[in-house]
């Protein structure tokens, strides 16, 4: 079992990142990059704390009402700054709205 973050973009790309990949910042820090967005109009839409190796499932929902349920362990683990993998095919004009673990 490992603690991790699930990051999903509005165009349906996502990845799992270990929480150890995020450095601690002090007050006034400028943050850290968490996703290499490949498409100019893409952006991070949702994030959640997950645990790998526990059989957790995630439900990803679009604004247009499409939904996809998959196991967290089936999502690729990547580095903090890497791009993600396609988790869900999102229709033209639609975007990921939320995710629930």
PDB file of N, CA and C in Angstrom:
ATOM      1  N   UNK A   1       0.850  -1.177   0.000  1.00  0.00           N
ATOM      2  CA  UNK A   1       0.000   0.000   0.000  1.00  0.00           C
ATOM      3  C   UNK A   1       0.892   1.236   0.000  1.00  0.00           C
ATOM      4  N   UNK A   2       0.610   2.169  -0.905  1.00  0.00           N
ATOM      5  CA  UNK A   2       1.374   3.406  -0.977  1.00  0.00           C
ATOM      6  C   UNK A   2       0.425   4.578  -1.123  1.00  0.00           C
ATOM      7  N   UNK A   3       0.750   5.653  -0.435  1.00  0.00           N
ATOM      8  CA  UNK A   3      -0.048   6.876  -0.544  1.00  0.00           C
ATOM      9  C   UNK A   3       0.327   7.589  -1.837  1.00  0.00           C
ATOM     10  N   UNK A   4      -0.671   8.103  -2.531  1.00  0.00           N
ATOM     11  CA  UNK A   4      -0.424   8.737  -3.818  1.00  0.00           C
ATOM     12  C   UNK A   4      -1.511   9.766  -4.108  1.00  0.00           C
ATOM     13  N   UNK A   5      -1.271  10.534  -5.162  1.00  0.00           N
ATOM     14  CA  UNK A   5      -2.250  11.505  -5.647  1.00  0.00           C
ATOM     15  C   UNK A   5      -2.667  11.088  -7.054  1.00  0.00           C
ATOM     16  N   UNK A   6      -3.956  11.143  -7.326  1.00  0.00           N
ATOM     17  CA  UNK A   6      -4.491  10.907  -8.661  1.00  0.00           C
ATOM     18  C   UNK A   6      -4.811  12.268  -9.256  1.00  0.00           C
ATOM     19  N   UNK A   7      -4.215  12.568 -10.406  1.00  0.00           N
ATOM     20  CA  UNK A   7      -4.405  13.852 -11.083  1.00  0.00           C
ATOM     21  C   UNK A   7      -5.077  13.571 -12.427  1.00  0.00           C
ATOM     22  N   UNK A   8      -6.159  14.298 -12.756  1.00  0.00           N
ATOM     23  CA  UNK A   8      -6.884  14.119 -14.017  1.00  0.00           C
ATOM     24  C   UNK A   8      -7.092  15.485 -14.666  1.00  0.00           C
ATOM     25  N   UNK A   9      -6.843  15.558 -15.982  1.00  0.00           N
ATOM     26  CA  UNK A   9      -7.057  16.809 -16.708  1.00  0.00           C
ATOM     27  C   UNK A   9      -8.448  16.829 -17.328  1.00  0.00           C
ATOM     28  N   UNK A  10      -8.875  17.996 -17.781  1.00  0.00           N
ATOM     29  CA  UNK A  10     -10.223  18.134 -18.330  1.00  0.00           C
ATOM     30  C   UNK A  10     -10.411  17.372 -19.638  1.00  0.00           C
ATOM     31  N   UNK A  11      -9.315  17.041 -20.340  1.00  0.00           N
ATOM     32  CA  UNK A  11      -9.413  16.268 -21.583  1.00  0.00           C
ATOM     33  C   UNK A  11      -9.288  14.768 -21.366  1.00  0.00           C
ATOM     34  N   UNK A  12      -9.258  14.311 -20.103  1.00  0.00           N
ATOM     35  CA  UNK A  12      -9.289  12.889 -19.819  1.00  0.00           C
ATOM     36  C   UNK A  12      -7.949  12.204 -19.609  1.00  0.00           C
ATOM     37  N   UNK A  13      -6.874  12.965 -19.505  1.00  0.00           N
ATOM     38  CA  UNK A  13      -5.562  12.384 -19.211  1.00  0.00           C
ATOM     39  C   UNK A  13      -5.363  12.336 -17.705  1.00  0.00           C
ATOM     40  N   UNK A  14      -4.619  11.346 -17.226  1.00  0.00           N
ATOM     41  CA  UNK A  14      -4.406  11.251 -15.797  1.00  0.00           C
ATOM     42  C   UNK A  14      -3.185  10.430 -15.451  1.00  0.00           C
ATOM     43  N   UNK A  15      -2.842  10.448 -14.168  1.00  0.00           N
ATOM     44  CA  UNK A  15      -1.703   9.681 -13.678  1.00  0.00           C
ATOM     45  C   UNK A  15      -1.765   9.593 -12.161  1.00  0.00           C
ATOM     46  N   UNK A  16      -1.010   8.636 -11.629  1.00  0.00           N
ATOM     47  CA  UNK A  16      -0.825   8.483 -10.200  1.00  0.00           C
ATOM     48  C   UNK A  16       0.587   8.983  -9.882  1.00  0.00           C
ATOM     49  N   UNK A  17       0.705   9.798  -8.838  1.00  0.00           N
ATOM     50  CA  UNK A  17       2.003  10.325  -8.405  1.00  0.00           C
ATOM     51  C   UNK A  17       2.150  10.039  -6.918  1.00  0.00           C
ATOM     52  N   UNK A  18       3.268   9.447  -6.533  1.00  0.00           N
ATOM     53  CA  UNK A  18       3.523   9.191  -5.120  1.00  0.00           C
ATOM     54  C   UNK A  18       3.623  10.499  -4.352  1.00  0.00           C
ATOM     55  N   UNK A  19       3.070  10.542  -3.149  1.00  0.00           N
ATOM     56  CA  UNK A  19       3.113  11.773  -2.361  1.00  0.00           C
ATOM     57  C   UNK A  19       4.535  12.148  -1.962  1.00  0.00           C
ATOM     58  N   UNK A  20       5.445  11.172  -1.974  1.00  0.00           N
ATOM     59  CA  UNK A  20       6.853  11.471  -1.667  1.00  0.00           C
ATOM     60  C   UNK A  20       7.506  12.318  -2.749  1.00  0.00           C
ATOM     61  N   UNK A  21       6.903  12.380  -3.946  1.00  0.00           N
ATOM     62  CA  UNK A  21       7.452  13.184  -5.041  1.00  0.00           C
ATOM     63  C   UNK A  21       7.196  14.684  -4.854  1.00  0.00           C
ATOM     64  N   UNK A  22       6.362  15.034  -3.889  1.00  0.00           N
ATOM     65  CA  UNK A  22       6.055  16.443  -3.642  1.00  0.00           C
ATOM     66  C   UNK A  22       6.896  16.960  -2.474  1.00  0.00           C
ATOM     67  N   UNK A  23       7.785  17.926  -2.743  1.00  0.00           N
ATOM     68  CA  UNK A  23       8.610  18.463  -1.658  1.00  0.00           C
ATOM     69  C   UNK A  23       7.806  19.385  -0.751  1.00  0.00           C
ATOM     70  N   UNK A  24       8.234  19.484   0.496  1.00  0.00           N
ATOM     71  CA  UNK A  24       7.604  20.395   1.445  1.00  0.00           C
ATOM     72  C   UNK A  24       8.086  21.806   1.149  1.00  0.00           C
ATOM     73  N   UNK A  25       7.164  22.745   1.124  1.00  0.00           N
ATOM     74  CA  UNK A  25       7.506  24.151   0.879  1.00  0.00           C
ATOM     75  C   UNK A  25       7.145  24.960   2.109  1.00  0.00           C
ATOM     76  N   UNK A  26       7.919  25.997   2.361  1.00  0.00           N
ATOM     77  CA  UNK A  26       7.633  26.884   3.477  1.00  0.00           C
ATOM     78  C   UNK A  26       6.637  27.958   3.075  1.00  0.00           C
ATOM     79  N   UNK A  27       6.373  28.819   3.983  1.00  0.00           N
ATOM     80  CA  UNK A  27       5.459  29.933   3.738  1.00  0.00           C
ATOM     81  C   UNK A  27       6.011  30.801   2.607  1.00  0.00           C
ATOM     82  N   UNK A  28       5.157  31.206   1.724  1.00  0.00           N
ATOM     83  CA  UNK A  28       5.567  32.050   0.605  1.00  0.00           C
ATOM     84  C   UNK A  28       6.140  31.261  -0.555  1.00  0.00           C
ATOM     85  N   UNK A  29       6.044  29.933  -0.516  1.00  0.00           N
ATOM     86  CA  UNK A  29       6.535  29.114  -1.622  1.00  0.00           C
ATOM     87  C   UNK A  29       5.693  29.331  -2.869  1.00  0.00           C
ATOM     88  N   UNK A  30       6.260  29.071  -4.002  1.00  0.00           N
ATOM     89  CA  UNK A  30       5.563  29.295  -5.265  1.00  0.00           C
ATOM     90  C   UNK A  30       4.927  28.016  -5.812  1.00  0.00           C
ATOM     91  N   UNK A  31       4.950  26.937  -5.026  1.00  0.00           N
ATOM     92  CA  UNK A  31       4.346  25.685  -5.470  1.00  0.00           C
ATOM     93  C   UNK A  31       5.296  24.884  -6.339  1.00  0.00           C
ATOM     94  N   UNK A  32       4.827  23.747  -6.824  1.00  0.00           N
ATOM     95  CA  UNK A  32       5.609  22.871  -7.683  1.00  0.00           C
ATOM     96  C   UNK A  32       4.746  22.415  -8.859  1.00  0.00           C
ATOM     97  N   UNK A  33       5.393  22.164  -9.981  1.00  0.00           N
ATOM     98  CA  UNK A  33       4.671  21.678 -11.161  1.00  0.00           C
ATOM     99  C   UNK A  33       4.204  20.257 -10.879  1.00  0.00           C
ATOM    100  N   UNK A  34       2.975  19.949 -11.283  1.00  0.00           N
ATOM    101  CA  UNK A  34       2.449  18.612 -11.026  1.00  0.00           C
ATOM    102  C   UNK A  34       2.023  17.877 -12.283  1.00  0.00           C
ATOM    103  N   UNK A  35       1.946  18.543 -13.431  1.00  0.00           N
ATOM    104  CA  UNK A  35       1.494  17.875 -14.645  1.00  0.00           C
ATOM    105  C   UNK A  35       2.067  18.581 -15.865  1.00  0.00           C
ATOM    106  N   UNK A  36       2.667  17.828 -16.769  1.00  0.00           N
ATOM    107  CA  UNK A  36       3.134  18.385 -18.034  1.00  0.00           C
ATOM    108  C   UNK A  36       1.973  18.297 -19.015  1.00  0.00           C
ATOM    109  N   UNK A  37       1.277  19.409 -19.203  1.00  0.00           N
ATOM    110  CA  UNK A  37       0.100  19.445 -20.068  1.00  0.00           C
ATOM    111  C   UNK A  37       0.565  19.443 -21.517  1.00  0.00           C
ATOM    112  N   UNK A  38       0.089  18.474 -22.300  1.00  0.00           N
ATOM    113  CA  UNK A  38       0.536  18.305 -23.672  1.00  0.00           C
ATOM    114  C   UNK A  38      -0.264  19.151 -24.658  1.00  0.00           C
ATOM    115  N   UNK A  39      -1.520  19.384 -24.363  1.00  0.00           N
ATOM    116  CA  UNK A  39      -2.406  20.138 -25.247  1.00  0.00           C
ATOM    117  C   UNK A  39      -2.585  21.541 -24.678  1.00  0.00           C
ATOM    118  N   UNK A  40      -2.501  22.562 -25.509  1.00  0.00           N
ATOM    119  CA  UNK A  40      -2.564  23.941 -25.050  1.00  0.00           C
ATOM    120  C   UNK A  40      -3.842  24.324 -24.332  1.00  0.00           C
ATOM    121  N   UNK A  41      -4.970  23.663 -24.650  1.00  0.00           N
ATOM    122  CA  UNK A  41      -6.232  24.023 -23.993  1.00  0.00           C
ATOM    123  C   UNK A  41      -6.604  23.051 -22.872  1.00  0.00           C
ATOM    124  N   UNK A  42      -5.667  22.195 -22.461  1.00  0.00           N
ATOM    125  CA  UNK A  42      -5.917  21.252 -21.367  1.00  0.00           C
ATOM    126  C   UNK A  42      -5.483  21.871 -20.044  1.00  0.00           C
ATOM    127  N   UNK A  43      -6.067  21.419 -18.957  1.00  0.00           N
ATOM    128  CA  UNK A  43      -5.717  21.893 -17.611  1.00  0.00           C
ATOM    129  C   UNK A  43      -6.129  20.836 -16.605  1.00  0.00           C
ATOM    130  N   UNK A  44      -5.540  20.860 -15.429  1.00  0.00           N
ATOM    131  CA  UNK A  44      -5.914  19.916 -14.384  1.00  0.00           C
ATOM    132  C   UNK A  44      -7.347  20.210 -13.951  1.00  0.00           C
ATOM    133  N   UNK A  45      -8.183  19.171 -13.957  1.00  0.00           N
ATOM    134  CA  UNK A  45      -9.599  19.330 -13.606  1.00  0.00           C
ATOM    135  C   UNK A  45      -9.901  18.821 -12.209  1.00  0.00           C
ATOM    136  N   UNK A  46      -9.202  17.772 -11.777  1.00  0.00           N
ATOM    137  CA  UNK A  46      -9.513  17.180 -10.478  1.00  0.00           C
ATOM    138  C   UNK A  46      -8.305  16.421  -9.948  1.00  0.00           C
ATOM    139  N   UNK A  47      -8.242  16.304  -8.638  1.00  0.00           N
ATOM    140  CA  UNK A  47      -7.185  15.546  -7.968  1.00  0.00           C
ATOM    141  C   UNK A  47      -7.774  14.906  -6.720  1.00  0.00           C
ATOM    142  N   UNK A  48      -7.209  13.763  -6.334  1.00  0.00           N
ATOM    143  CA  UNK A  48      -7.691  13.074  -5.141  1.00  0.00           C
ATOM    144  C   UNK A  48      -6.557  12.282  -4.511  1.00  0.00           C
ATOM    145  N   UNK A  49      -6.656  12.098  -3.215  1.00  0.00           N
ATOM    146  CA  UNK A  49      -5.712  11.267  -2.476  1.00  0.00           C
ATOM    147  C   UNK A  49      -6.168   9.820  -2.604  1.00  0.00           C
ATOM    148  N   UNK A  50      -5.255   8.932  -3.039  1.00  0.00           N
ATOM    149  CA  UNK A  50      -5.590   7.522  -3.210  1.00  0.00           C
ATOM    150  C   UNK A  50      -4.518   6.657  -2.562  1.00  0.00           C
ATOM    151  N   UNK A  51      -4.831   5.377  -2.419  1.00  0.00           N
ATOM    152  CA  UNK A  51      -3.857   4.406  -1.922  1.00  0.00           C
ATOM    153  C   UNK A  51      -3.774   3.277  -2.936  1.00  0.00           C
ATOM    154  N   UNK A  52      -2.579   3.039  -3.442  1.00  0.00           N
ATOM    155  CA  UNK A  52      -2.399   1.976  -4.419  1.00  0.00           C
ATOM    156  C   UNK A  52      -2.300   0.633  -3.705  1.00  0.00           C
ATOM    157  N   UNK A  53      -2.628  -0.427  -4.415  1.00  0.00           N
ATOM    158  CA  UNK A  53      -2.555  -1.765  -3.859  1.00  0.00           C
ATOM    159  C   UNK A  53      -3.689  -2.125  -2.924  1.00  0.00           C
ATOM    160  N   UNK A  54      -4.728  -1.309  -2.883  1.00  0.00           N
ATOM    161  CA  UNK A  54      -5.851  -1.555  -1.970  1.00  0.00           C
ATOM    162  C   UNK A  54      -7.139  -1.920  -2.715  1.00  0.00           C
ATOM    163  N   UNK A  55      -7.099  -1.956  -4.032  1.00  0.00           N
ATOM    164  CA  UNK A  55      -8.295  -2.278  -4.809  1.00  0.00           C
ATOM    165  C   UNK A  55      -9.291  -1.130  -4.880  1.00  0.00           C
ATOM    166  N   UNK A  56      -8.837   0.093  -4.603  1.00  0.00           N
ATOM    167  CA  UNK A  56      -9.737   1.255  -4.680  1.00  0.00           C
ATOM    168  C   UNK A  56     -10.185   1.462  -6.118  1.00  0.00           C
ATOM    169  N   UNK A  57     -11.386   1.998  -6.272  1.00  0.00           N
ATOM    170  CA  UNK A  57     -11.892   2.360  -7.596  1.00  0.00           C
ATOM    171  C   UNK A  57     -12.162   3.849  -7.639  1.00  0.00           C
ATOM    172  N   UNK A  58     -12.099   4.406  -8.839  1.00  0.00           N
ATOM    173  CA  UNK A  58     -12.349   5.828  -9.025  1.00  0.00           C
ATOM    174  C   UNK A  58     -13.422   5.989 -10.099  1.00  0.00           C
ATOM    175  N   UNK A  59     -14.316   6.941  -9.892  1.00  0.00           N
ATOM    176  CA  UNK A  59     -15.354   7.284 -10.852  1.00  0.00           C
ATOM    177  C   UNK A  59     -15.026   8.662 -11.399  1.00  0.00           C
ATOM    178  N   UNK A  60     -14.831   8.756 -12.707  1.00  0.00           N
ATOM    179  CA  UNK A  60     -14.533  10.028 -13.369  1.00  0.00           C
ATOM    180  C   UNK A  60     -15.775  10.430 -14.156  1.00  0.00           C
ATOM    181  N   UNK A  61     -16.244  11.662 -13.957  1.00  0.00           N
ATOM    182  CA  UNK A  61     -17.490  12.131 -14.562  1.00  0.00           C
ATOM    183  C   UNK A  61     -17.221  13.402 -15.366  1.00  0.00           C
ATOM    184  N   UNK A  62     -17.840  13.490 -16.554  1.00  0.00           N
ATOM    185  CA  UNK A  62     -17.711  14.694 -17.374  1.00  0.00           C
ATOM    186  C   UNK A  62     -18.909  15.610 -17.159  1.00  0.00           C
ATOM    187  N   UNK A  63     -18.771  16.853 -17.602  1.00  0.00           N
ATOM    188  CA  UNK A  63     -19.860  17.823 -17.492  1.00  0.00           C
ATOM    189  C   UNK A  63     -21.068  17.391 -18.318  1.00  0.00           C
ATOM    190  N   UNK A  64     -20.826  16.632 -19.400  1.00  0.00           N
ATOM    191  CA  UNK A  64     -21.903  16.159 -20.260  1.00  0.00           C
ATOM    192  C   UNK A  64     -22.593  14.904 -19.760  1.00  0.00           C
ATOM    193  N   UNK A  65     -22.133  14.350 -18.643  1.00  0.00           N
ATOM    194  CA  UNK A  65     -22.801  13.207 -18.045  1.00  0.00           C
ATOM    195  C   UNK A  65     -22.173  11.857 -18.330  1.00  0.00           C
ATOM    196  N   UNK A  66     -21.065  11.806 -19.041  1.00  0.00           N
ATOM    197  CA  UNK A  66     -20.380  10.528 -19.244  1.00  0.00           C
ATOM    198  C   UNK A  66     -19.654  10.148 -17.963  1.00  0.00           C
ATOM    199  N   UNK A  67     -19.535   8.852 -17.704  1.00  0.00           N
ATOM    200  CA  UNK A  67     -18.853   8.392 -16.496  1.00  0.00           C
ATOM    201  C   UNK A  67     -17.999   7.175 -16.821  1.00  0.00           C
ATOM    202  N   UNK A  68     -16.881   7.058 -16.106  1.00  0.00           N
ATOM    203  CA  UNK A  68     -15.981   5.920 -16.249  1.00  0.00           C
ATOM    204  C   UNK A  68     -15.537   5.494 -14.863  1.00  0.00           C
ATOM    205  N   UNK A  69     -15.686   4.196 -14.573  1.00  0.00           N
ATOM    206  CA  UNK A  69     -15.189   3.678 -13.308  1.00  0.00           C
ATOM    207  C   UNK A  69     -14.036   2.722 -13.618  1.00  0.00           C
ATOM    208  N   UNK A  70     -12.920   2.897 -12.922  1.00  0.00           N
ATOM    209  CA  UNK A  70     -11.762   2.044 -13.100  1.00  0.00           C
ATOM    210  C   UNK A  70     -11.047   1.866 -11.775  1.00  0.00           C
ATOM    211  N   UNK A  71     -10.221   0.842 -11.689  1.00  0.00           N
ATOM    212  CA  UNK A  71      -9.437   0.629 -10.484  1.00  0.00           C
ATOM    213  C   UNK A  71      -8.227   1.543 -10.482  1.00  0.00           C
ATOM    214  N   UNK A  72      -7.907   2.082  -9.319  1.00  0.00           N
ATOM    215  CA  UNK A  72      -6.759   2.970  -9.169  1.00  0.00           C
ATOM    216  C   UNK A  72      -5.486   2.262  -9.602  1.00  0.00           C
ATOM    217  N   UNK A  73      -5.358   0.975  -9.313  1.00  0.00           N
ATOM    218  CA  UNK A  73      -4.150   0.228  -9.651  1.00  0.00           C
ATOM    219  C   UNK A  73      -3.960   0.049 -11.159  1.00  0.00           C
ATOM    220  N   UNK A  74      -4.998   0.308 -11.970  1.00  0.00           N
ATOM    221  CA  UNK A  74      -4.888   0.211 -13.425  1.00  0.00           C
ATOM    222  C   UNK A  74      -4.384   1.505 -14.063  1.00  0.00           C
ATOM    223  N   UNK A  75      -4.254   2.562 -13.287  1.00  0.00           N
ATOM    224  CA  UNK A  75      -3.791   3.856 -13.797  1.00  0.00           C
ATOM    225  C   UNK A  75      -2.273   3.928 -13.657  1.00  0.00           C
ATOM    226  N   UNK A  76      -1.623   4.420 -14.679  1.00  0.00           N
ATOM    227  CA  UNK A  76      -0.154   4.466 -14.713  1.00  0.00           C
ATOM    228  C   UNK A  76       0.415   5.374 -13.628  1.00  0.00           C
ATOM    229  N   UNK A  77       1.495   4.918 -13.012  1.00  0.00           N
ATOM    230  CA  UNK A  77       2.236   5.741 -12.059  1.00  0.00           C
ATOM    231  C   UNK A  77       3.319   6.465 -12.833  1.00  0.00           C
ATOM    232  N   UNK A  78       3.379   7.782 -12.683  1.00  0.00           N
ATOM    233  CA  UNK A  78       4.344   8.601 -13.413  1.00  0.00           C
ATOM    234  C   UNK A  78       5.046   9.536 -12.444  1.00  0.00           C
ATOM    235  N   UNK A  79       6.071  10.211 -12.944  1.00  0.00           N
ATOM    236  CA  UNK A  79       6.748  11.210 -12.120  1.00  0.00           C
ATOM    237  C   UNK A  79       5.864  12.452 -12.013  1.00  0.00           C
ATOM    238  N   UNK A  80       6.191  13.306 -11.079  1.00  0.00           N
ATOM    239  CA  UNK A  80       5.379  14.498 -10.801  1.00  0.00           C
ATOM    240  C   UNK A  80       5.268  15.405 -12.016  1.00  0.00           C
ATOM    241  N   UNK A  81       6.327  15.572 -12.794  1.00  0.00           N
ATOM    242  CA  UNK A  81       6.312  16.526 -13.903  1.00  0.00           C
ATOM    243  C   UNK A  81       5.952  15.907 -15.245  1.00  0.00           C
ATOM    244  N   UNK A  82       5.779  14.602 -15.306  1.00  0.00           N
ATOM    245  CA  UNK A  82       5.475  13.922 -16.571  1.00  0.00           C
ATOM    246  C   UNK A  82       4.032  14.168 -17.001  1.00  0.00           C
ATOM    247  N   UNK A  83       3.785  13.923 -18.273  1.00  0.00           N
ATOM    248  CA  UNK A  83       2.422  13.952 -18.780  1.00  0.00           C
ATOM    249  C   UNK A  83       1.696  12.699 -18.346  1.00  0.00           C
ATOM    250  N   UNK A  84       0.410  12.650 -18.563  1.00  0.00           N
ATOM    251  CA  UNK A  84      -0.380  11.496 -18.149  1.00  0.00           C
ATOM    252  C   UNK A  84      -0.699  10.586 -19.313  1.00  0.00           C
ATOM    253  N   UNK A  85      -1.527   9.597 -19.036  1.00  0.00           N
ATOM    254  CA  UNK A  85      -2.012   8.668 -20.048  1.00  0.00           C
ATOM    255  C   UNK A  85      -3.511   8.901 -20.228  1.00  0.00           C
ATOM    256  N   UNK A  86      -4.030   8.537 -21.390  1.00  0.00           N
ATOM    257  CA  UNK A  86      -5.449   8.742 -21.678  1.00  0.00           C
ATOM    258  C   UNK A  86      -6.276   7.788 -20.825  1.00  0.00           C
ATOM    259  N   UNK A  87      -7.071   8.335 -19.916  1.00  0.00           N
ATOM    260  CA  UNK A  87      -7.931   7.534 -19.055  1.00  0.00           C
ATOM    261  C   UNK A  87      -9.326   7.401 -19.631  1.00  0.00           C
ATOM    262  N   UNK A  88      -9.773   8.458 -20.306  1.00  0.00           N
ATOM    263  CA  UNK A  88     -11.167   8.522 -20.747  1.00  0.00           C
ATOM    264  C   UNK A  88     -11.247   9.322 -22.043  1.00  0.00           C
ATOM    265  N   UNK A  89     -12.025   8.832 -22.989  1.00  0.00           N
ATOM    266  CA  UNK A  89     -12.259   9.564 -24.234  1.00  0.00           C
ATOM    267  C   UNK A  89     -13.367  10.583 -23.972  1.00  0.00           C
ATOM    268  N   UNK A  90     -13.030  11.856 -24.081  1.00  0.00           N
ATOM    269  CA  UNK A  90     -13.975  12.932 -23.799  1.00  0.00           C
ATOM    270  C   UNK A  90     -14.473  13.514 -25.125  1.00  0.00           C
ATOM    271  N   UNK A  91     -15.793  13.631 -25.277  1.00  0.00           N
ATOM    272  CA  UNK A  91     -16.384  14.162 -26.508  1.00  0.00           C
ATOM    273  C   UNK A  91     -15.978  15.610 -26.732  1.00  0.00           C
ATOM    274  N   UNK A  92     -16.037  16.031 -27.991  1.00  0.00           N
ATOM    275  CA  UNK A  92     -15.765  17.425 -28.366  1.00  0.00           C
ATOM    276  C   UNK A  92     -16.719  18.353 -27.616  1.00  0.00           C
ATOM    277  N   UNK A  93     -16.183  19.380 -26.980  1.00  0.00           N
ATOM    278  CA  UNK A  93     -16.994  20.338 -26.230  1.00  0.00           C
ATOM    279  C   UNK A  93     -17.321  19.913 -24.809  1.00  0.00           C
ATOM    280  N   UNK A  94     -16.934  18.697 -24.432  1.00  0.00           N
ATOM    281  CA  UNK A  94     -17.163  18.190 -23.077  1.00  0.00           C
ATOM    282  C   UNK A  94     -15.832  18.222 -22.327  1.00  0.00           C
ATOM    283  N   UNK A  95     -15.878  18.096 -21.013  1.00  0.00           N
ATOM    284  CA  UNK A  95     -14.647  18.046 -20.216  1.00  0.00           C
ATOM    285  C   UNK A  95     -14.916  17.345 -18.903  1.00  0.00           C
ATOM    286  N   UNK A  96     -13.842  16.819 -18.296  1.00  0.00           N
ATOM    287  CA  UNK A  96     -13.959  16.163 -17.006  1.00  0.00           C
ATOM    288  C   UNK A  96     -14.379  17.202 -15.970  1.00  0.00           C
ATOM    289  N   UNK A  97     -15.375  16.855 -15.171  1.00  0.00           N
ATOM    290  CA  UNK A  97     -15.907  17.775 -14.183  1.00  0.00           C
ATOM    291  C   UNK A  97     -15.537  17.369 -12.763  1.00  0.00           C
ATOM    292  N   UNK A  98     -15.451  16.059 -12.490  1.00  0.00           N
ATOM    293  CA  UNK A  98     -15.207  15.611 -11.123  1.00  0.00           C
ATOM    294  C   UNK A  98     -14.713  14.177 -11.121  1.00  0.00           C
ATOM    295  N   UNK A  99     -14.152  13.796  -9.968  1.00  0.00           N
ATOM    296  CA  UNK A  99     -13.819  12.397  -9.745  1.00  0.00           C
ATOM    297  C   UNK A  99     -14.095  12.061  -8.286  1.00  0.00           C
ATOM    298  N   UNK A 100     -14.460  10.813  -8.073  1.00  0.00           N
ATOM    299  CA  UNK A 100     -14.778  10.335  -6.725  1.00  0.00           C
ATOM    300  C   UNK A 100     -14.039   9.022  -6.504  1.00  0.00           C
ATOM    301  N   UNK A 101     -13.364   8.909  -5.369  1.00  0.00           N
ATOM    302  CA  UNK A 101     -12.653   7.672  -5.048  1.00  0.00           C
ATOM    303  C   UNK A 101     -13.508   6.855  -4.100  1.00  0.00           C
TER     304      UNK A 101
END
